[in-house]
C-alpha cells in the first residue's frame, strides 16, 4: 500500500512536457541545497523506475509503465551525451521540457562527465 501511494505521489510531480521526475522540494548534496522545480538528477532515475515497475506489477495500471518509459526516454536523451558520458544534473524549463543548463556537484566541472562510485 505504501509503494502505491508513493508511486502516485511521484507521478503527480512529473514534468508534464517530458515525463521526468524533478527534485521537487529540496535535496542536499555536499554543501549545496537544490530546491527549485525543474532540477533533475540522473541518479534519481533508478529508484523512480523501480517503484513504477513494482507498482505496475501489483496493479496492472499502465499509467506506471507509461510514466516509467517517458522518464527513461527523456533521461537518456537529456543525460547521456554524444560520447555516452553521463551528465549529473539538469535544469529544465518545466513548461517546455527543455534542458536550459546542465551541471555537476560531484564531478570535476560542469562540462565533465559524472560517475557514481
Foldseek 3Di string as FASTA:
>chain_A
DVLVVVLVVQQVQALVQQLARAPDAWDDDPNDIDGDPQKHFLVVLVVNLVSLVVVCVVPVPCVSVVSNVSNVVLLCVPAQDPVRFGFTMFGAPSNNRDTPATFDDPDDTRPDGDDDD
